């Protein structure tokens, strides 16, 4: 998979798209950090791909939240402790 920075994409958008069409994918970076994944979707059902991408991002968000919760020990809470936290959050939201 090829990497392109934002400046390369701005200067050579057509060649980047051609590369993605040929190679299947590319990553766009900003200051060395991956920001966007480009995929060749030619011949695919666009609505189905969008739905799949949204599910993938949702799954990634859930997994990240689970990992962060476990790091904070939140996976060890009892049901009573969880219910108390929910009640506190609801009370704070109402005030």
C-alpha atoms as a PDB file:
ATOM      1  CA  UNK A   1       0.000   0.000   0.000  1.00  0.00           C
ATOM      2  CA  UNK A   2       1.372   3.366  -0.990  1.00  0.00           C
ATOM      3  CA  UNK A   3       1.530   6.404   1.272  1.00  0.00           C
ATOM      4  CA  UNK A   4       0.951   9.935   0.013  1.00  0.00           C
ATOM      5  CA  UNK A   5       1.135  13.143   1.991  1.00  0.00           C
ATOM      6  CA  UNK A   6      -1.409  15.931   1.621  1.00  0.00           C
ATOM      7  CA  UNK A   7       0.915  18.025  -0.539  1.00  0.00           C
ATOM      8  CA  UNK A   8       1.396  15.130  -2.983  1.00  0.00           C
ATOM      9  CA  UNK A   9      -2.353  14.623  -3.142  1.00  0.00           C
ATOM     10  CA  UNK A  10      -2.925  18.329  -3.817  1.00  0.00           C
ATOM     11  CA  UNK A  11      -0.276  18.478  -6.531  1.00  0.00           C
ATOM     12  CA  UNK A  12      -0.953  15.132  -8.175  1.00  0.00           C
ATOM     13  CA  UNK A  13      -4.543  14.121  -7.414  1.00  0.00           C
ATOM     14  CA  UNK A  14      -5.014  12.465 -10.776  1.00  0.00           C
ATOM     15  CA  UNK A  15      -1.922  10.262 -10.450  1.00  0.00           C
ATOM     16  CA  UNK A  16      -2.830   9.343  -6.849  1.00  0.00           C
ATOM     17  CA  UNK A  17      -6.305   8.258  -7.970  1.00  0.00           C
ATOM     18  CA  UNK A  18      -4.781   6.283 -10.845  1.00  0.00           C
ATOM     19  CA  UNK A  19      -2.449   4.586  -8.379  1.00  0.00           C
ATOM     20  CA  UNK A  20      -5.364   3.664  -6.123  1.00  0.00           C
ATOM     21  CA  UNK A  21      -7.255   2.329  -9.134  1.00  0.00           C
ATOM     22  CA  UNK A  22      -4.267   0.145 -10.042  1.00  0.00           C
ATOM     23  CA  UNK A  23      -3.033  -0.881  -6.584  1.00  0.00           C
ATOM     24  CA  UNK A  24      -6.399  -1.017  -4.805  1.00  0.00           C
ATOM     25  CA  UNK A  25      -5.621   1.344  -1.937  1.00  0.00           C
ATOM     26  CA  UNK A  26      -3.479   4.155  -0.571  1.00  0.00           C
ATOM     27  CA  UNK A  27      -3.082   6.033   2.692  1.00  0.00           C
ATOM     28  CA  UNK A  28      -3.050   9.830   2.828  1.00  0.00           C
ATOM     29  CA  UNK A  29      -0.939  11.293   5.622  1.00  0.00           C
ATOM     30  CA  UNK A  30      -0.674  14.692   7.250  1.00  0.00           C
ATOM     31  CA  UNK A  31       2.597  15.455   9.044  1.00  0.00           C
ATOM     32  CA  UNK A  32       3.394  11.745   8.899  1.00  0.00           C
ATOM     33  CA  UNK A  33       0.128  10.703  10.568  1.00  0.00           C
ATOM     34  CA  UNK A  34      -2.314   8.540   8.590  1.00  0.00           C
ATOM     35  CA  UNK A  35      -5.527  10.481   8.000  1.00  0.00           C
ATOM     36  CA  UNK A  36      -7.403   8.853   5.141  1.00  0.00           C
ATOM     37  CA  UNK A  37      -7.628   5.482   3.478  1.00  0.00           C
ATOM     38  CA  UNK A  38      -8.419   5.573  -0.225  1.00  0.00           C
ATOM     39  CA  UNK A  39      -9.869   2.445  -1.812  1.00  0.00           C
ATOM     40  CA  UNK A  40     -10.621   1.466  -5.368  1.00  0.00           C
ATOM     41  CA  UNK A  41     -14.396   0.989  -5.444  1.00  0.00           C
ATOM     42  CA  UNK A  42     -14.806   0.670  -9.182  1.00  0.00           C
ATOM     43  CA  UNK A  43     -17.473  -1.910 -10.007  1.00  0.00           C
ATOM     44  CA  UNK A  44     -18.716  -2.105  -6.419  1.00  0.00           C
ATOM     45  CA  UNK A  45     -22.078  -1.313  -4.878  1.00  0.00           C
ATOM     46  CA  UNK A  46     -21.446   2.143  -3.376  1.00  0.00           C
ATOM     47  CA  UNK A  47     -24.289   2.033  -0.836  1.00  0.00           C
ATOM     48  CA  UNK A  48     -23.139  -1.369   0.398  1.00  0.00           C
ATOM     49  CA  UNK A  49     -19.529  -0.184   0.716  1.00  0.00           C
ATOM     50  CA  UNK A  50     -20.561   2.916   2.657  1.00  0.00           C
ATOM     51  CA  UNK A  51     -22.625   0.777   5.019  1.00  0.00           C
ATOM     52  CA  UNK A  52     -19.719  -1.618   5.490  1.00  0.00           C
ATOM     53  CA  UNK A  53     -17.283   1.239   6.157  1.00  0.00           C
ATOM     54  CA  UNK A  54     -19.618   2.744   8.755  1.00  0.00           C
ATOM     55  CA  UNK A  55     -19.946  -0.599  10.527  1.00  0.00           C
ATOM     56  CA  UNK A  56     -16.171  -1.012  10.476  1.00  0.00           C
ATOM     57  CA  UNK A  57     -15.644   2.438  12.017  1.00  0.00           C
ATOM     58  CA  UNK A  58     -18.295   1.753  14.647  1.00  0.00           C
ATOM     59  CA  UNK A  59     -16.637  -1.551  15.539  1.00  0.00           C
ATOM     60  CA  UNK A  60     -13.283   0.209  15.795  1.00  0.00           C
ATOM     61  CA  UNK A  61     -14.779   2.849  18.119  1.00  0.00           C
ATOM     62  CA  UNK A  62     -16.369   0.188  20.327  1.00  0.00           C
ATOM     63  CA  UNK A  63     -13.125  -1.786  20.548  1.00  0.00           C
ATOM     64  CA  UNK A  64     -11.143   1.352  21.410  1.00  0.00           C
ATOM     65  CA  UNK A  65     -13.678   2.248  24.117  1.00  0.00           C
ATOM     66  CA  UNK A  66     -13.519  -1.267  25.565  1.00  0.00           C
ATOM     67  CA  UNK A  67      -9.709  -1.182  25.671  1.00  0.00           C
ATOM     68  CA  UNK A  68      -9.660   2.248  27.321  1.00  0.00           C
ATOM     69  CA  UNK A  69     -12.301   1.172  29.838  1.00  0.00           C
ATOM     70  CA  UNK A  70     -10.291  -1.910  30.750  1.00  0.00           C
ATOM     71  CA  UNK A  71      -7.157   0.215  31.225  1.00  0.00           C
ATOM     72  CA  UNK A  72      -9.106   2.366  33.693  1.00  0.00           C
ATOM     73  CA  UNK A  73     -10.437  -0.688  35.507  1.00  0.00           C
ATOM     74  CA  UNK A  74     -14.004  -0.017  34.444  1.00  0.00           C
ATOM     75  CA  UNK A  75     -14.407  -3.644  33.367  1.00  0.00           C
ATOM     76  CA  UNK A  76     -14.188  -4.646  37.046  1.00  0.00           C
ATOM     77  CA  UNK A  77     -17.198  -2.592  38.206  1.00  0.00           C
ATOM     78  CA  UNK A  78     -20.158  -4.356  39.757  1.00  0.00           C
ATOM     79  CA  UNK A  79     -23.659  -3.824  38.392  1.00  0.00           C
ATOM     80  CA  UNK A  80     -24.477  -1.629  41.408  1.00  0.00           C
ATOM     81  CA  UNK A  81     -21.411   0.549  40.725  1.00  0.00           C
ATOM     82  CA  UNK A  82     -22.379   0.861  37.057  1.00  0.00           C
ATOM     83  CA  UNK A  83     -25.946   1.831  37.960  1.00  0.00           C
ATOM     84  CA  UNK A  84     -24.627   4.439  40.429  1.00  0.00           C
ATOM     85  CA  UNK A  85     -22.412   5.965  37.732  1.00  0.00           C
ATOM     86  CA  UNK A  86     -25.367   6.102  35.332  1.00  0.00           C
ATOM     87  CA  UNK A  87     -27.552   7.746  37.947  1.00  0.00           C
ATOM     88  CA  UNK A  88     -24.848  10.323  38.696  1.00  0.00           C
ATOM     89  CA  UNK A  89     -24.417  11.107  34.999  1.00  0.00           C
ATOM     90  CA  UNK A  90     -28.170  11.495  34.498  1.00  0.00           C
ATOM     91  CA  UNK A  91     -28.460  13.763  37.549  1.00  0.00           C
ATOM     92  CA  UNK A  92     -25.584  15.927  36.281  1.00  0.00           C
ATOM     93  CA  UNK A  93     -27.194  16.166  32.839  1.00  0.00           C
ATOM     94  CA  UNK A  94     -30.485  17.344  34.323  1.00  0.00           C
ATOM     95  CA  UNK A  95     -28.940  20.102  36.425  1.00  0.00           C
END
